Amino acid sequence: MPKVTEKEGLELLLMAWKAYDVAVYHARWYSVLAQVFQFLTLVLSVVIIVFTVLYTQRCNEGDDANIDDCLKTSMSEDATKGFIFSFSVAMSFVLSLDAYLIPFSRALHLKSGAAELESIIWLYRAPAVI
């Protein structure tokens, strides 16, 4: 290995480490974004299920149904339908953003590229002695 590294080599190393830092930073950001999308999807799914159950198990005023088989809610039928529709639209929006941005896949690609770049940097700095 040469005793002195040329200036061009040091500048190349600096640019490579900067590219590595950028890739790692964006990989972390996309990982967090993927977790946020997954959390929102799960929360919205639970909320939609709760409101759907409230809608299907409600007591109608005129029915002669058994009072033990239905739920008494203070919300009207239209309000419940509105909540179900609103949360369904919100979930569709979150899922479409997730499908458009593909944060989990991008994070994996960035992590892989950063690891490959780091490997190349260390191979440059410590070449194998033959």
C-alpha atoms as a PDB file:
ATOM      1  CA  MET A   1       0.000   0.000   0.000  1.00  0.00           C
ATOM      2  CA  PRO A   2       1.406   3.412  -0.835  1.00  0.00           C
ATOM      3  CA  LYS A   3       2.687   5.448   2.085  1.00  0.00           C
ATOM      4  CA  VAL A   4       0.844   8.572   0.893  1.00  0.00           C
ATOM      5  CA  THR A   5      -2.635   8.834  -0.558  1.00  0.00           C
ATOM      6  CA  GLU A   6      -2.958  11.320  -3.381  1.00  0.00           C
ATOM      7  CA  LYS A   7      -5.236  14.332  -3.039  1.00  0.00           C
ATOM      8  CA  GLU A   8      -7.627  12.987  -5.694  1.00  0.00           C
ATOM      9  CA  GLY A   9      -7.996   9.760  -3.745  1.00  0.00           C
ATOM     10  CA  LEU A  10      -8.840  11.628  -0.554  1.00  0.00           C
ATOM     11  CA  GLU A  11     -11.400  13.770  -2.369  1.00  0.00           C
ATOM     12  CA  LEU A  12     -12.920  10.618  -3.860  1.00  0.00           C
ATOM     13  CA  LEU A  13     -13.133   9.088  -0.381  1.00  0.00           C
ATOM     14  CA  LEU A  14     -14.794  12.227   0.972  1.00  0.00           C
ATOM     15  CA  MET A  15     -17.402  12.176  -1.805  1.00  0.00           C
ATOM     16  CA  ALA A  16     -18.015   8.464  -1.256  1.00  0.00           C
ATOM     17  CA  TRP A  17     -18.549   8.918   2.494  1.00  0.00           C
ATOM     18  CA  LYS A  18     -20.923  11.820   1.821  1.00  0.00           C
ATOM     19  CA  ALA A  19     -22.911   9.652  -0.602  1.00  0.00           C
ATOM     20  CA  TYR A  20     -22.982   6.907   2.044  1.00  0.00           C
ATOM     21  CA  ASP A  21     -24.287   9.337   4.693  1.00  0.00           C
ATOM     22  CA  VAL A  22     -27.005  10.599   2.334  1.00  0.00           C
ATOM     23  CA  ALA A  23     -28.112   7.035   1.517  1.00  0.00           C
ATOM     24  CA  VAL A  24     -28.263   6.057   5.200  1.00  0.00           C
ATOM     25  CA  TYR A  25     -30.195   9.216   6.086  1.00  0.00           C
ATOM     26  CA  HIS A  26     -32.802   8.650   3.379  1.00  0.00           C
ATOM     27  CA  ALA A  27     -33.047   4.949   4.255  1.00  0.00           C
ATOM     28  CA  ARG A  28     -33.908   5.874   7.842  1.00  0.00           C
ATOM     29  CA  TRP A  29     -36.482   8.420   6.656  1.00  0.00           C
ATOM     30  CA  TYR A  30     -38.147   5.894   4.349  1.00  0.00           C
ATOM     31  CA  SER A  31     -38.155   3.289   7.135  1.00  0.00           C
ATOM     32  CA  VAL A  32     -39.948   5.705   9.458  1.00  0.00           C
ATOM     33  CA  LEU A  33     -42.392   6.612   6.680  1.00  0.00           C
ATOM     34  CA  ALA A  34     -43.145   2.923   6.071  1.00  0.00           C
ATOM     35  CA  GLN A  35     -43.821   2.416   9.787  1.00  0.00           C
ATOM     36  CA  VAL A  36     -46.125   5.453   9.878  1.00  0.00           C
ATOM     37  CA  PHE A  37     -48.092   4.183   6.873  1.00  0.00           C
ATOM     38  CA  GLN A  38     -48.400   0.743   8.449  1.00  0.00           C
ATOM     39  CA  PHE A  39     -49.551   2.236  11.768  1.00  0.00           C
ATOM     40  CA  LEU A  40     -52.138   4.463  10.062  1.00  0.00           C
ATOM     41  CA  THR A  41     -53.433   1.540   8.026  1.00  0.00           C
ATOM     42  CA  LEU A  42     -53.890  -0.587  11.144  1.00  0.00           C
ATOM     43  CA  VAL A  43     -55.573   2.195  13.137  1.00  0.00           C
ATOM     44  CA  LEU A  44     -57.927   3.087  10.294  1.00  0.00           C
ATOM     45  CA  SER A  45     -58.789  -0.594   9.810  1.00  0.00           C
ATOM     46  CA  VAL A  46     -59.750  -0.949  13.470  1.00  0.00           C
ATOM     47  CA  VAL A  47     -61.825   2.246  13.388  1.00  0.00           C
ATOM     48  CA  ILE A  48     -63.650   1.121  10.233  1.00  0.00           C
ATOM     49  CA  ILE A  49     -64.395  -2.255  11.791  1.00  0.00           C
ATOM     50  CA  VAL A  50     -65.725  -0.642  14.992  1.00  0.00           C
ATOM     51  CA  PHE A  51     -68.048   1.711  13.116  1.00  0.00           C
ATOM     52  CA  THR A  52     -69.202  -1.100  10.816  1.00  0.00           C
ATOM     53  CA  VAL A  53     -70.089  -3.239  13.820  1.00  0.00           C
ATOM     54  CA  LEU A  54     -71.915  -0.298  15.387  1.00  0.00           C
ATOM     55  CA  TYR A  55     -73.849   0.196  12.160  1.00  0.00           C
ATOM     56  CA  THR A  56     -74.813  -3.455  11.650  1.00  0.00           C
ATOM     57  CA  GLN A  57     -75.707  -4.138  15.288  1.00  0.00           C
ATOM     58  CA  ARG A  58     -77.768  -0.997  15.959  1.00  0.00           C
ATOM     59  CA  CYS A  59     -81.322  -1.069  17.294  1.00  0.00           C
ATOM     60  CA  ASN A  60     -83.965   0.328  15.030  1.00  0.00           C
ATOM     61  CA  GLU A  61     -86.892   2.084  16.667  1.00  0.00           C
ATOM     62  CA  GLY A  62     -89.625   0.228  14.812  1.00  0.00           C
ATOM     63  CA  ASP A  63     -88.186  -3.290  14.840  1.00  0.00           C
ATOM     64  CA  ASP A  64     -89.493  -5.933  17.221  1.00  0.00           C
ATOM     65  CA  ALA A  65     -85.965  -7.320  17.652  1.00  0.00           C
ATOM     66  CA  ASN A  66     -84.689  -8.634  20.934  1.00  0.00           C
ATOM     67  CA  ILE A  67     -83.074  -5.776  22.854  1.00  0.00           C
ATOM     68  CA  ASP A  68     -80.162  -8.045  23.903  1.00  0.00           C
ATOM     69  CA  ASP A  69     -79.149  -8.633  20.264  1.00  0.00           C
ATOM     70  CA  CYS A  70     -78.527  -4.994  19.366  1.00  0.00           C
ATOM     71  CA  LEU A  71     -76.475  -2.025  20.483  1.00  0.00           C
ATOM     72  CA  LYS A  72     -77.889   1.285  21.601  1.00  0.00           C
ATOM     73  CA  THR A  73     -75.854   4.135  20.165  1.00  0.00           C
ATOM     74  CA  SER A  74     -76.386   7.845  20.286  1.00  0.00           C
ATOM     75  CA  MET A  75     -75.235   8.267  16.660  1.00  0.00           C
ATOM     76  CA  SER A  76     -77.715   8.345  13.838  1.00  0.00           C
ATOM     77  CA  GLU A  77     -77.589   5.965  10.907  1.00  0.00           C
ATOM     78  CA  ASP A  78     -76.393   8.714   8.554  1.00  0.00           C
ATOM     79  CA  ALA A  79     -73.596   9.769  10.912  1.00  0.00           C
ATOM     80  CA  THR A  80     -72.361   6.185  11.207  1.00  0.00           C
ATOM     81  CA  LYS A  81     -72.421   5.757   7.428  1.00  0.00           C
ATOM     82  CA  GLY A  82     -70.561   9.049   7.081  1.00  0.00           C
ATOM     83  CA  PHE A  83     -67.841   7.949   9.500  1.00  0.00           C
ATOM     84  CA  ILE A  84     -67.434   4.613   7.725  1.00  0.00           C
ATOM     85  CA  PHE A  85     -67.184   6.345   4.347  1.00  0.00           C
ATOM     86  CA  SER A  86     -64.776   9.031   5.624  1.00  0.00           C
ATOM     87  CA  PHE A  87     -62.419   6.564   7.237  1.00  0.00           C
ATOM     88  CA  SER A  88     -62.562   4.325   4.157  1.00  0.00           C
ATOM     89  CA  VAL A  89     -61.537   7.267   1.981  1.00  0.00           C
ATOM     90  CA  ALA A  90     -58.743   8.139   4.432  1.00  0.00           C
ATOM     91  CA  MET A  91     -57.502   4.555   4.352  1.00  0.00           C
ATOM     92  CA  SER A  92     -57.607   4.551   0.548  1.00  0.00           C
ATOM     93  CA  PHE A  93     -55.543   7.730   0.546  1.00  0.00           C
ATOM     94  CA  VAL A  94     -52.943   6.271   2.935  1.00  0.00           C
ATOM     95  CA  LEU A  95     -52.717   3.051   0.920  1.00  0.00           C
ATOM     96  CA  SER A  96     -52.380   4.943  -2.361  1.00  0.00           C
ATOM     97  CA  LEU A  97     -49.570   7.077  -0.898  1.00  0.00           C
ATOM     98  CA  ASP A  98     -47.896   3.909   0.341  1.00  0.00           C
ATOM     99  CA  ALA A  99     -48.209   2.309  -3.095  1.00  0.00           C
ATOM    100  CA  TYR A 100     -46.930   5.457  -4.811  1.00  0.00           C
ATOM    101  CA  LEU A 101     -43.932   6.108  -2.555  1.00  0.00           C
ATOM    102  CA  ILE A 102     -43.080   2.438  -1.791  1.00  0.00           C
ATOM    103  CA  PRO A 103     -41.099   3.483   1.312  1.00  0.00           C
ATOM    104  CA  PHE A 104     -40.268  -0.020   2.560  1.00  0.00           C
ATOM    105  CA  SER A 105     -38.776  -1.087  -0.767  1.00  0.00           C
ATOM    106  CA  ARG A 106     -36.873   2.176  -1.166  1.00  0.00           C
ATOM    107  CA  ALA A 107     -35.437   1.854   2.339  1.00  0.00           C
ATOM    108  CA  LEU A 108     -34.188  -1.657   1.558  1.00  0.00           C
ATOM    109  CA  HIS A 109     -32.598  -0.527  -1.718  1.00  0.00           C
ATOM    110  CA  LEU A 110     -30.916   2.433  -0.043  1.00  0.00           C
ATOM    111  CA  LYS A 111     -29.598   0.291   2.818  1.00  0.00           C
ATOM    112  CA  SER A 112     -28.267  -2.237   0.333  1.00  0.00           C
ATOM    113  CA  GLY A 113     -26.598   0.449  -1.770  1.00  0.00           C
ATOM    114  CA  ALA A 114     -25.081   2.085   1.309  1.00  0.00           C
ATOM    115  CA  ALA A 115     -23.662  -1.247   2.486  1.00  0.00           C
ATOM    116  CA  GLU A 116     -22.213  -1.909  -0.958  1.00  0.00           C
ATOM    117  CA  LEU A 117     -20.640   1.559  -1.083  1.00  0.00           C
ATOM    118  CA  GLU A 118     -19.189   1.114   2.400  1.00  0.00           C
ATOM    119  CA  SER A 119     -17.680  -2.195   1.310  1.00  0.00           C
ATOM    120  CA  ILE A 120     -16.096  -0.564  -1.739  1.00  0.00           C
ATOM    121  CA  ILE A 121     -14.698   2.260   0.405  1.00  0.00           C
ATOM    122  CA  TRP A 122     -13.069  -0.154   2.832  1.00  0.00           C
ATOM    123  CA  LEU A 123     -11.678  -2.258  -0.003  1.00  0.00           C
ATOM    124  CA  TYR A 124     -10.087   0.909  -1.399  1.00  0.00           C
ATOM    125  CA  ARG A 125      -8.627   1.879   1.970  1.00  0.00           C
ATOM    126  CA  ALA A 126      -7.308  -1.568   2.853  1.00  0.00           C
ATOM    127  CA  PRO A 127      -6.435  -3.468  -0.330  1.00  0.00           C
ATOM    128  CA  ALA A 128      -5.547  -7.115  -0.020  1.00  0.00           C
ATOM    129  CA  VAL A 129      -1.835  -7.769   0.180  1.00  0.00           C
ATOM    130  CA  ILE A 130      -0.670 -10.372  -2.300  1.00  0.00           C
END
